[in-house]
Amino acid sequence: MCAMIAGVEGLKDESRDPDYDPDEVGQVLDWLPWNHISGSNVNFNGALMNGATFWIDGGKPTPALFGETVRNIREVSPQVIGTAPIALAMLAEEMEEDEDLLKAVFKRLRSIGYGGAPSAPELVRKIREVFGAEPGNGWGMTETSATVTVHGAEDYEARPESCGPPVATADLKIMSPDGSKELPVGEVGELWARGPMVVQEYWQRPEATEETFVDGWVKTGDLARLDEEGFCFIVDRAKDIIIRGGENIYSSEVENVLYDHPAVTDAALIGMSFSVCVFCNSLLCREIEMSGS
């Protein structure tokens, strides 16, 4: 919620729009389905607390529904958009092909908040250059009522791989795989979170509750590290880590390299079992070549 509140507060910037009205609260477009905690909690509550006009697109950011969302953007000309990273990549491509849409969005757009999936560092630059807006990111999960970390402005540009530091009411720590000890700064382990936003239990699932919640902390299942200033870096899901020749490979590190290529909109690293690891390497290269053709 904090990310969207910051975005709505940032609407009051007369330097961006010659027709700026200081009494105008703003238009917020929610481009996420409401079964997702970010759409129903983060975007809505942030707009509500600031008295903004809240437009519910409500559809998933997919090619099939993309045309309808673009029409909504033309009509609303929002100052804040809350969505998923892949939707921004799709919208950027549309803007590059449609000059009228580009002008309509640039006229009023102030802030773009996104989450719900890993976002490429390249996305920070694209939001600045293509949209001319302030990027905002964060991390959370349904069990934490969404927002636990918030990332934006200069801090985000300086650390585009990070999801930001915890909000004032939250705590983070990195734990060993068995949960027996807290790991030092810079080491990768399982991310645990604590705060008033963490739910108490899973409804009528005592075994899952006991496994996931420990003394007020929620075991997120994400592999992460914290730097000296408390900024969080998600490197992978614990179940998704790839082991090749005894070495740990974090999906996000490889995917971020792929995102740097201008022809790549989205990417996913998938591990495949082979008796000899060199075969796995050659297959990955062939898959990349096929994707680019």
C-alpha atoms as a PDB file:
ATOM      1  CA  MET A   1       0.000   0.000   0.000  1.00  0.00           C
ATOM      2  CA  CYS A   2       2.841   2.395   0.753  1.00  0.00           C
ATOM      3  CA  ALA A   3       4.088   2.282  -2.831  1.00  0.00           C
ATOM      4  CA  MET A   4       0.719   3.333  -4.212  1.00  0.00           C
ATOM      5  CA  ILE A   5       0.267   6.024  -1.545  1.00  0.00           C
ATOM      6  CA  ALA A   6       3.624   7.490  -2.532  1.00  0.00           C
ATOM      7  CA  GLY A   7       2.587   7.365  -6.159  1.00  0.00           C
ATOM      8  CA  VAL A   8      -0.674   9.201  -5.562  1.00  0.00           C
ATOM      9  CA  GLU A   9       1.025  11.810  -3.389  1.00  0.00           C
ATOM     10  CA  GLY A  10       3.426  12.360  -6.266  1.00  0.00           C
ATOM     11  CA  LEU A  11       0.562  13.508  -8.504  1.00  0.00           C
ATOM     12  CA  LYS A  12       0.929  17.078  -7.294  1.00  0.00           C
ATOM     13  CA  ASP A  13       3.697  18.138  -9.646  1.00  0.00           C
ATOM     14  CA  GLU A  14       2.745  21.108 -11.809  1.00  0.00           C
ATOM     15  CA  SER A  15       6.083  20.995 -13.629  1.00  0.00           C
ATOM     16  CA  ARG A  16       4.904  17.956 -15.615  1.00  0.00           C
ATOM     17  CA  ASP A  17       1.575  19.299 -16.900  1.00  0.00           C
ATOM     18  CA  PRO A  18       0.817  22.914 -17.909  1.00  0.00           C
ATOM     19  CA  ASP A  19      -2.882  22.209 -17.213  1.00  0.00           C
ATOM     20  CA  TYR A  20      -2.121  21.102 -13.649  1.00  0.00           C
ATOM     21  CA  ASP A  21      -4.912  21.803 -11.159  1.00  0.00           C
ATOM     22  CA  PRO A  22      -3.748  21.781  -7.502  1.00  0.00           C
ATOM     23  CA  ASP A  23      -7.262  20.821  -6.396  1.00  0.00           C
ATOM     24  CA  GLU A  24      -7.316  17.751  -8.645  1.00  0.00           C
ATOM     25  CA  VAL A  25      -6.678  14.606  -6.638  1.00  0.00           C
ATOM     26  CA  GLY A  26      -5.846  12.353  -9.569  1.00  0.00           C
ATOM     27  CA  GLN A  27      -6.767   9.294 -11.591  1.00  0.00           C
ATOM     28  CA  VAL A  28      -5.478   5.846 -10.611  1.00  0.00           C
ATOM     29  CA  LEU A  29      -5.821   2.889 -13.000  1.00  0.00           C
ATOM     30  CA  ASP A  30      -5.701  -0.551 -11.405  1.00  0.00           C
ATOM     31  CA  TRP A  31      -4.496  -2.993 -14.055  1.00  0.00           C
ATOM     32  CA  LEU A  32      -4.581  -6.159 -11.960  1.00  0.00           C
ATOM     33  CA  PRO A  33      -7.255  -8.776 -11.263  1.00  0.00           C
ATOM     34  CA  TRP A  34      -8.933  -8.369  -7.891  1.00  0.00           C
ATOM     35  CA  ASN A  35      -8.274 -11.939  -6.845  1.00  0.00           C
ATOM     36  CA  HIS A  36      -4.653 -10.746  -6.521  1.00  0.00           C
ATOM     37  CA  ILE A  37      -3.718  -9.095  -3.206  1.00  0.00           C
ATOM     38  CA  SER A  38      -1.963  -6.235  -5.004  1.00  0.00           C
ATOM     39  CA  GLY A  39      -5.069  -5.243  -6.934  1.00  0.00           C
ATOM     40  CA  SER A  40      -7.557  -5.454  -4.080  1.00  0.00           C
ATOM     41  CA  ASN A  41      -5.331  -4.150  -1.281  1.00  0.00           C
ATOM     42  CA  VAL A  42      -2.306  -2.150  -2.451  1.00  0.00           C
ATOM     43  CA  ASN A  43      -3.791  -0.230  -5.379  1.00  0.00           C
ATOM     44  CA  PHE A  44      -7.274   0.307  -3.973  1.00  0.00           C
ATOM     45  CA  ASN A  45      -6.315   1.313  -0.422  1.00  0.00           C
ATOM     46  CA  GLY A  46      -3.591   3.667  -1.615  1.00  0.00           C
ATOM     47  CA  ALA A  47      -6.036   5.494  -3.868  1.00  0.00           C
ATOM     48  CA  LEU A  48      -8.798   5.463  -1.255  1.00  0.00           C
ATOM     49  CA  MET A  49      -6.630   7.001   1.463  1.00  0.00           C
ATOM     50  CA  ASN A  50      -5.660   9.838  -0.875  1.00  0.00           C
ATOM     51  CA  GLY A  51      -9.125  10.496  -2.268  1.00  0.00           C
ATOM     52  CA  ALA A  52      -8.127   9.621  -5.818  1.00  0.00           C
ATOM     53  CA  THR A  53     -10.521   8.544  -8.556  1.00  0.00           C
ATOM     54  CA  PHE A  54     -10.000   4.792  -8.833  1.00  0.00           C
ATOM     55  CA  TRP A  55     -10.514   3.034 -12.158  1.00  0.00           C
ATOM     56  CA  ILE A  56     -10.727  -0.758 -12.098  1.00  0.00           C
ATOM     57  CA  ASP A  57      -9.522  -2.406 -15.264  1.00  0.00           C
ATOM     58  CA  GLY A  58      -9.677  -5.746 -13.479  1.00  0.00           C
ATOM     59  CA  GLY A  59      -8.265  -7.883 -16.271  1.00  0.00           C
ATOM     60  CA  LYS A  60      -5.102  -9.862 -16.310  1.00  0.00           C
ATOM     61  CA  PRO A  61      -2.354  -8.211 -18.394  1.00  0.00           C
ATOM     62  CA  THR A  62      -2.576 -10.670 -21.291  1.00  0.00           C
ATOM     63  CA  PRO A  63      -2.491 -10.070 -25.058  1.00  0.00           C
ATOM     64  CA  ALA A  64      -6.159 -11.085 -25.332  1.00  0.00           C
ATOM     65  CA  LEU A  65      -7.285  -8.297 -22.974  1.00  0.00           C
ATOM     66  CA  PHE A  66      -4.570  -5.801 -23.812  1.00  0.00           C
ATOM     67  CA  GLY A  67      -6.548  -3.878 -26.423  1.00  0.00           C
ATOM     68  CA  GLU A  68      -9.340  -3.135 -23.946  1.00  0.00           C
ATOM     69  CA  THR A  69      -6.861  -1.860 -21.370  1.00  0.00           C
ATOM     70  CA  VAL A  70      -5.208   0.416 -23.928  1.00  0.00           C
ATOM     71  CA  ARG A  71      -8.632   1.893 -24.703  1.00  0.00           C
ATOM     72  CA  ASN A  72      -9.142   2.493 -20.982  1.00  0.00           C
ATOM     73  CA  ILE A  73      -5.788   4.266 -20.739  1.00  0.00           C
ATOM     74  CA  ARG A  74      -6.754   6.515 -23.642  1.00  0.00           C
ATOM     75  CA  GLU A  75     -10.049   7.404 -21.956  1.00  0.00           C
ATOM     76  CA  VAL A  76      -8.833   7.835 -18.372  1.00  0.00           C
ATOM     77  CA  SER A  77      -5.351   9.257 -19.023  1.00  0.00           C
ATOM     78  CA  PRO A  78      -4.276   8.127 -15.534  1.00  0.00           C
ATOM     79  CA  GLN A  79      -1.620   9.710 -13.386  1.00  0.00           C
ATOM     80  CA  VAL A  80      -0.839   6.451 -11.583  1.00  0.00           C
ATOM     81  CA  ILE A  81      -0.913   2.902 -12.959  1.00  0.00           C
ATOM     82  CA  GLY A  82      -0.631  -0.187 -10.773  1.00  0.00           C
ATOM     83  CA  THR A  83       0.111  -3.408 -12.630  1.00  0.00           C
ATOM     84  CA  ALA A  84       2.508  -6.315 -13.217  1.00  0.00           C
ATOM     85  CA  PRO A  85       5.980  -6.018 -14.824  1.00  0.00           C
ATOM     86  CA  ILE A  86       5.054  -7.913 -17.988  1.00  0.00           C
ATOM     87  CA  ALA A  87       2.162  -5.509 -18.616  1.00  0.00           C
ATOM     88  CA  LEU A  88       4.568  -2.569 -18.665  1.00  0.00           C
ATOM     89  CA  ALA A  89       6.730  -4.253 -21.291  1.00  0.00           C
ATOM     90  CA  MET A  90       3.639  -4.797 -23.441  1.00  0.00           C
ATOM     91  CA  LEU A  91       2.480  -1.210 -22.958  1.00  0.00           C
ATOM     92  CA  ALA A  92       5.926   0.145 -23.854  1.00  0.00           C
ATOM     93  CA  GLU A  93       5.860  -1.747 -27.149  1.00  0.00           C
ATOM     94  CA  GLU A  94       2.402  -0.352 -27.908  1.00  0.00           C
ATOM     95  CA  MET A  95       3.537   3.180 -27.138  1.00  0.00           C
ATOM     96  CA  GLU A  96       6.487   2.906 -29.487  1.00  0.00           C
ATOM     97  CA  GLU A  97       4.076   2.045 -32.319  1.00  0.00           C
ATOM     98  CA  ASP A  98       1.287   4.483 -31.443  1.00  0.00           C
ATOM     99  CA  GLU A  99       2.357   8.115 -31.095  1.00  0.00           C
ATOM    100  CA  ASP A 100      -1.125   9.256 -30.031  1.00  0.00           C
ATOM    101  CA  LEU A 101      -1.150   6.798 -27.141  1.00  0.00           C
ATOM    102  CA  LEU A 102       2.333   7.907 -26.159  1.00  0.00           C
ATOM    103  CA  LYS A 103       1.218  11.538 -25.975  1.00  0.00           C
ATOM    104  CA  ALA A 104      -1.920  10.630 -24.015  1.00  0.00           C
ATOM    105  CA  VAL A 105       0.035   8.697 -21.405  1.00  0.00           C
ATOM    106  CA  PHE A 106       2.934  11.128 -21.157  1.00  0.00           C
ATOM    107  CA  LYS A 107       0.619  14.079 -20.577  1.00  0.00           C
ATOM    108  CA  ARG A 108      -0.518  13.039 -17.100  1.00  0.00           C
ATOM    109  CA  LEU A 109       1.349   9.905 -16.029  1.00  0.00           C
ATOM    110  CA  ARG A 110       3.383  10.481 -12.878  1.00  0.00           C
ATOM    111  CA  SER A 111       4.024   7.102 -11.315  1.00  0.00           C
ATOM    112  CA  ILE A 112       3.943   3.412 -12.191  1.00  0.00           C
ATOM    113  CA  GLY A 113       3.831   0.887  -9.374  1.00  0.00           C
ATOM    114  CA  TYR A 114       4.230  -2.797 -10.070  1.00  0.00           C
ATOM    115  CA  GLY A 115       4.766  -6.113  -8.362  1.00  0.00           C
ATOM    116  CA  GLY A 116       3.421  -9.648  -8.221  1.00  0.00           C
ATOM    117  CA  ALA A 117       6.341 -11.032 -10.231  1.00  0.00           C
ATOM    118  CA  PRO A 118      10.105 -10.517 -10.543  1.00  0.00           C
ATOM    119  CA  SER A 119      10.956  -7.352 -12.460  1.00  0.00           C
ATOM    120  CA  ALA A 120      14.023  -6.859 -14.620  1.00  0.00           C
ATOM    121  CA  PRO A 121      16.495  -4.065 -13.769  1.00  0.00           C
ATOM    122  CA  GLU A 122      16.046  -2.891 -17.356  1.00  0.00           C
ATOM    123  CA  LEU A 123      12.439  -2.038 -16.485  1.00  0.00           C
ATOM    124  CA  VAL A 124      13.545   0.882 -14.294  1.00  0.00           C
ATOM    125  CA  ARG A 125      15.303   2.545 -17.222  1.00  0.00           C
ATOM    126  CA  LYS A 126      12.402   1.823 -19.572  1.00  0.00           C
ATOM    127  CA  ILE A 127       9.864   3.454 -17.254  1.00  0.00           C
ATOM    128  CA  ARG A 128      11.972   6.605 -17.121  1.00  0.00           C
ATOM    129  CA  GLU A 129      12.764   6.782 -20.829  1.00  0.00           C
ATOM    130  CA  VAL A 130       9.554   5.485 -22.436  1.00  0.00           C
ATOM    131  CA  PHE A 131       6.897   6.511 -19.925  1.00  0.00           C
ATOM    132  CA  GLY A 132       8.627   9.495 -18.333  1.00  0.00           C
ATOM    133  CA  ALA A 133       7.255   8.333 -14.974  1.00  0.00           C
ATOM    134  CA  GLU A 134       8.515   7.518 -11.507  1.00  0.00           C
ATOM    135  CA  PRO A 135       9.051   3.747 -11.063  1.00  0.00           C
ATOM    136  CA  GLY A 136       7.923   2.042  -7.885  1.00  0.00           C
ATOM    137  CA  ASN A 137       8.374  -1.549  -6.814  1.00  0.00           C
ATOM    138  CA  GLY A 138       8.030  -3.655  -3.711  1.00  0.00           C
ATOM    139  CA  TRP A 139       7.749  -7.144  -2.337  1.00  0.00           C
ATOM    140  CA  GLY A 140       5.068  -8.958  -0.433  1.00  0.00           C
ATOM    141  CA  MET A 141       2.770 -11.950  -0.510  1.00  0.00           C
ATOM    142  CA  THR A 142      -0.807 -12.816   0.342  1.00  0.00           C
ATOM    143  CA  GLU A 143       0.306 -13.924   3.804  1.00  0.00           C
ATOM    144  CA  THR A 144       1.680 -10.421   4.440  1.00  0.00           C
ATOM    145  CA  SER A 145      -1.370  -8.551   3.096  1.00  0.00           C
ATOM    146  CA  ALA A 146       0.902  -7.532   0.199  1.00  0.00           C
ATOM    147  CA  THR A 147       3.448  -4.817   0.997  1.00  0.00           C
ATOM    148  CA  VAL A 148       6.494  -5.594   3.153  1.00  0.00           C
ATOM    149  CA  THR A 149       9.163  -3.704   1.197  1.00  0.00           C
ATOM    150  CA  VAL A 150       8.898  -0.554  -0.944  1.00  0.00           C
ATOM    151  CA  HIS A 151      11.383   0.694  -3.523  1.00  0.00           C
ATOM    152  CA  GLY A 152      11.336   3.928  -5.514  1.00  0.00           C
ATOM    153  CA  ALA A 153      13.029   7.144  -6.651  1.00  0.00           C
ATOM    154  CA  GLU A 154      16.842   7.378  -6.480  1.00  0.00           C
ATOM    155  CA  ASP A 155      17.188   4.297  -4.288  1.00  0.00           C
ATOM    156  CA  TYR A 156      15.481   2.175  -6.923  1.00  0.00           C
ATOM    157  CA  GLU A 157      17.617   3.541  -9.722  1.00  0.00           C
ATOM    158  CA  ALA A 158      20.778   2.872  -7.685  1.00  0.00           C
ATOM    159  CA  ARG A 159      19.680  -0.683  -6.791  1.00  0.00           C
ATOM    160  CA  PRO A 160      17.403  -1.881  -9.628  1.00  0.00           C
ATOM    161  CA  GLU A 161      17.892  -5.546  -8.656  1.00  0.00           C
ATOM    162  CA  SER A 162      16.476  -4.904  -5.177  1.00  0.00           C
ATOM    163  CA  CYS A 163      12.848  -4.908  -4.042  1.00  0.00           C
ATOM    164  CA  GLY A 164      13.711  -2.256  -1.465  1.00  0.00           C
ATOM    165  CA  PRO A 165      14.009  -2.023   2.307  1.00  0.00           C
ATOM    166  CA  PRO A 166      11.217  -3.089   4.674  1.00  0.00           C
ATOM    167  CA  VAL A 167       8.517  -0.572   5.523  1.00  0.00           C
ATOM    168  CA  ALA A 168       8.708   1.029   8.969  1.00  0.00           C
ATOM    169  CA  THR A 169       6.468  -1.564  10.624  1.00  0.00           C
ATOM    170  CA  ALA A 170       8.171  -4.659   9.159  1.00  0.00           C
ATOM    171  CA  ASP A 171      11.287  -6.676   9.919  1.00  0.00           C
ATOM    172  CA  LEU A 172      13.243  -8.991   7.648  1.00  0.00           C
ATOM    173  CA  LYS A 173      15.877 -11.610   8.316  1.00  0.00           C
ATOM    174  CA  ILE A 174      17.707 -14.256   6.314  1.00  0.00           C
ATOM    175  CA  MET A 175      17.651 -17.741   7.779  1.00  0.00           C
ATOM    176  CA  SER A 176      19.532 -20.960   7.098  1.00  0.00           C
ATOM    177  CA  PRO A 177      17.664 -23.629   5.077  1.00  0.00           C
ATOM    178  CA  ASP A 178      16.694 -25.541   8.223  1.00  0.00           C
ATOM    179  CA  GLY A 179      15.618 -22.340  10.003  1.00  0.00           C
ATOM    180  CA  SER A 180      18.022 -22.885  12.885  1.00  0.00           C
ATOM    181  CA  LYS A 181      20.114 -19.695  12.592  1.00  0.00           C
ATOM    182  CA  GLU A 182      20.081 -16.204  11.143  1.00  0.00           C
ATOM    183  CA  LEU A 183      22.625 -15.624   8.371  1.00  0.00           C
ATOM    184  CA  PRO A 184      24.938 -12.584   8.193  1.00  0.00           C
ATOM    185  CA  VAL A 185      24.593  -9.659   5.797  1.00  0.00           C
ATOM    186  CA  GLY A 186      25.207 -10.607   2.167  1.00  0.00           C
ATOM    187  CA  GLU A 187      24.556 -14.337   2.490  1.00  0.00           C
ATOM    188  CA  VAL A 188      21.692 -16.006   0.616  1.00  0.00           C
ATOM    189  CA  GLY A 189      19.085 -17.893   2.595  1.00  0.00           C
ATOM    190  CA  GLU A 190      15.343 -18.081   3.142  1.00  0.00           C
ATOM    191  CA  LEU A 191      13.632 -14.739   3.691  1.00  0.00           C
ATOM    192  CA  TRP A 192      11.525 -14.435   6.854  1.00  0.00           C
ATOM    193  CA  ALA A 193       9.236 -11.449   7.459  1.00  0.00           C
ATOM    194  CA  ARG A 194       7.498 -10.056  10.532  1.00  0.00           C
ATOM    195  CA  GLY A 195       5.055  -7.221  11.144  1.00  0.00           C
ATOM    196  CA  PRO A 196       1.416  -6.324  11.802  1.00  0.00           C
ATOM    197  CA  MET A 197       0.609  -7.068   8.163  1.00  0.00           C
ATOM    198  CA  VAL A 198       1.411 -10.799   8.585  1.00  0.00           C
ATOM    199  CA  VAL A 199      -1.677 -12.995   8.924  1.00  0.00           C
ATOM    200  CA  GLN A 200      -2.073 -15.238  11.951  1.00  0.00           C
ATOM    201  CA  GLU A 201      -2.786 -18.544  10.274  1.00  0.00           C
ATOM    202  CA  TYR A 202      -4.122 -20.474   7.309  1.00  0.00           C
ATOM    203  CA  TRP A 203      -7.844 -21.052   7.689  1.00  0.00           C
ATOM    204  CA  GLN A 204      -8.457 -24.564   9.040  1.00  0.00           C
ATOM    205  CA  ARG A 205      -4.982 -25.742   7.979  1.00  0.00           C
ATOM    206  CA  PRO A 206      -3.087 -26.255  11.254  1.00  0.00           C
ATOM    207  CA  GLU A 207      -0.236 -28.268   9.743  1.00  0.00           C
ATOM    208  CA  ALA A 208       0.487 -25.649   7.065  1.00  0.00           C
ATOM    209  CA  THR A 209       0.233 -22.912   9.703  1.00  0.00           C
ATOM    210  CA  GLU A 210       2.746 -24.641  11.962  1.00  0.00           C
ATOM    211  CA  GLU A 211       5.140 -25.143   9.063  1.00  0.00           C
ATOM    212  CA  THR A 212       4.959 -21.547   7.768  1.00  0.00           C
ATOM    213  CA  PHE A 213       4.533 -19.289  10.838  1.00  0.00           C
ATOM    214  CA  VAL A 214       7.124 -19.232  13.621  1.00  0.00           C
ATOM    215  CA  ASP A 215       6.826 -16.847  16.597  1.00  0.00           C
ATOM    216  CA  GLY A 216       5.232 -14.091  14.500  1.00  0.00           C
ATOM    217  CA  TRP A 217       7.555 -14.618  11.527  1.00  0.00           C
ATOM    218  CA  VAL A 218       6.364 -15.954   8.170  1.00  0.00           C
ATOM    219  CA  LYS A 219       8.729 -18.227   6.227  1.00  0.00           C
ATOM    220  CA  THR A 220       8.316 -16.856   2.711  1.00  0.00           C
ATOM    221  CA  GLY A 221       9.913 -19.614   0.648  1.00  0.00           C
ATOM    222  CA  ASP A 222      11.944 -16.968  -1.194  1.00  0.00           C
ATOM    223  CA  LEU A 223      15.727 -17.069  -1.333  1.00  0.00           C
ATOM    224  CA  ALA A 224      17.146 -13.615  -0.689  1.00  0.00           C
ATOM    225  CA  ARG A 225      19.961 -11.571   0.789  1.00  0.00           C
ATOM    226  CA  LEU A 226      20.114  -8.264   2.652  1.00  0.00           C
ATOM    227  CA  ASP A 227      22.797  -5.631   2.162  1.00  0.00           C
ATOM    228  CA  GLU A 228      24.392  -3.413   4.812  1.00  0.00           C
ATOM    229  CA  GLU A 229      21.571  -0.846   4.566  1.00  0.00           C
ATOM    230  CA  GLY A 230      18.770  -3.392   4.816  1.00  0.00           C
ATOM    231  CA  PHE A 231      17.807  -3.478   1.129  1.00  0.00           C
ATOM    232  CA  CYS A 232      16.384  -6.839   0.124  1.00  0.00           C
ATOM    233  CA  PHE A 233      17.442  -8.755  -2.991  1.00  0.00           C
ATOM    234  CA  ILE A 234      15.235 -11.705  -4.015  1.00  0.00           C
ATOM    235  CA  VAL A 235      17.320 -14.235  -5.932  1.00  0.00           C
ATOM    236  CA  ASP A 236      14.900 -17.129  -6.432  1.00  0.00           C
ATOM    237  CA  ARG A 237      12.168 -19.276  -5.003  1.00  0.00           C
ATOM    238  CA  ALA A 238      13.666 -21.970  -2.775  1.00  0.00           C
ATOM    239  CA  LYS A 239      11.995 -24.679  -4.859  1.00  0.00           C
ATOM    240  CA  ASP A 240      13.218 -23.182  -8.145  1.00  0.00           C
ATOM    241  CA  ILE A 241      16.962 -23.097  -7.501  1.00  0.00           C
ATOM    242  CA  ILE A 242      18.948 -24.932 -10.196  1.00  0.00           C
ATOM    243  CA  ILE A 243      21.950 -27.058  -9.223  1.00  0.00           C
ATOM    244  CA  ARG A 244      24.465 -27.708 -11.989  1.00  0.00           C
ATOM    245  CA  GLY A 245      27.687 -29.572 -11.289  1.00  0.00           C
ATOM    246  CA  GLY A 246      27.302 -28.857  -7.571  1.00  0.00           C
ATOM    247  CA  GLU A 247      26.906 -25.103  -8.128  1.00  0.00           C
ATOM    248  CA  ASN A 248      23.768 -23.135  -7.217  1.00  0.00           C
ATOM    249  CA  ILE A 249      22.266 -21.147 -10.097  1.00  0.00           C
ATOM    250  CA  TYR A 250      19.697 -18.498  -9.197  1.00  0.00           C
ATOM    251  CA  SER A 251      17.130 -18.002 -11.944  1.00  0.00           C
ATOM    252  CA  SER A 252      16.858 -14.231 -11.517  1.00  0.00           C
ATOM    253  CA  GLU A 253      20.558 -13.663 -12.167  1.00  0.00           C
ATOM    254  CA  VAL A 254      20.424 -15.401 -15.550  1.00  0.00           C
ATOM    255  CA  GLU A 255      17.050 -13.918 -16.475  1.00  0.00           C
ATOM    256  CA  ASN A 256      18.266 -10.394 -15.748  1.00  0.00           C
ATOM    257  CA  VAL A 257      21.056 -10.859 -18.291  1.00  0.00           C
ATOM    258  CA  LEU A 258      18.503 -11.969 -20.890  1.00  0.00           C
ATOM    259  CA  TYR A 259      16.305  -8.949 -20.129  1.00  0.00           C
ATOM    260  CA  ASP A 260      19.147  -6.657 -21.215  1.00  0.00           C
ATOM    261  CA  HIS A 261      18.621  -7.818 -24.800  1.00  0.00           C
ATOM    262  CA  PRO A 262      16.154  -5.472 -26.560  1.00  0.00           C
ATOM    263  CA  ALA A 263      14.332  -8.382 -28.218  1.00  0.00           C
ATOM    264  CA  VAL A 264      13.460 -10.041 -24.881  1.00  0.00           C
ATOM    265  CA  THR A 265      10.158  -9.089 -23.241  1.00  0.00           C
ATOM    266  CA  ASP A 266       9.990 -11.886 -20.681  1.00  0.00           C
ATOM    267  CA  ALA A 267      12.204 -14.788 -19.700  1.00  0.00           C
ATOM    268  CA  ALA A 268      12.208 -17.878 -17.483  1.00  0.00           C
ATOM    269  CA  LEU A 269      15.076 -20.194 -16.598  1.00  0.00           C
ATOM    270  CA  ILE A 270      14.117 -23.858 -16.302  1.00  0.00           C
ATOM    271  CA  GLY A 271      16.312 -26.649 -14.995  1.00  0.00           C
ATOM    272  CA  MET A 272      16.425 -29.955 -16.868  1.00  0.00           C
ATOM    273  CA  SER A 273      17.866 -33.232 -15.616  1.00  0.00           C
ATOM    274  CA  PHE A 274      20.840 -34.728 -17.460  1.00  0.00           C
ATOM    275  CA  SER A 275      23.353 -37.351 -16.445  1.00  0.00           C
ATOM    276  CA  VAL A 276      26.204 -35.238 -17.848  1.00  0.00           C
ATOM    277  CA  CYS A 277      25.943 -31.518 -17.121  1.00  0.00           C
ATOM    278  CA  VAL A 278      27.664 -30.396 -20.345  1.00  0.00           C
ATOM    279  CA  PHE A 279      24.618 -31.665 -22.277  1.00  0.00           C
ATOM    280  CA  CYS A 280      22.423 -29.419 -20.201  1.00  0.00           C
ATOM    281  CA  ASN A 281      24.572 -26.457 -21.185  1.00  0.00           C
ATOM    282  CA  SER A 282      24.343 -27.077 -24.920  1.00  0.00           C
ATOM    283  CA  LEU A 283      20.586 -27.620 -24.765  1.00  0.00           C
ATOM    284  CA  LEU A 284      20.116 -24.285 -23.005  1.00  0.00           C
ATOM    285  CA  CYS A 285      22.029 -22.513 -25.764  1.00  0.00           C
ATOM    286  CA  ARG A 286      19.915 -24.138 -28.463  1.00  0.00           C
ATOM    287  CA  GLU A 287      16.731 -23.150 -26.644  1.00  0.00           C
ATOM    288  CA  ILE A 288      17.891 -19.527 -26.542  1.00  0.00           C
ATOM    289  CA  GLU A 289      18.634 -19.587 -30.271  1.00  0.00           C
ATOM    290  CA  MET A 290      15.195 -21.005 -31.021  1.00  0.00           C
ATOM    291  CA  SER A 291      13.496 -18.353 -28.908  1.00  0.00           C
ATOM    292  CA  GLY A 292      15.233 -15.594 -30.791  1.00  0.00           C
ATOM    293  CA  SER A 293      14.301 -16.871 -34.251  1.00  0.00           C
END
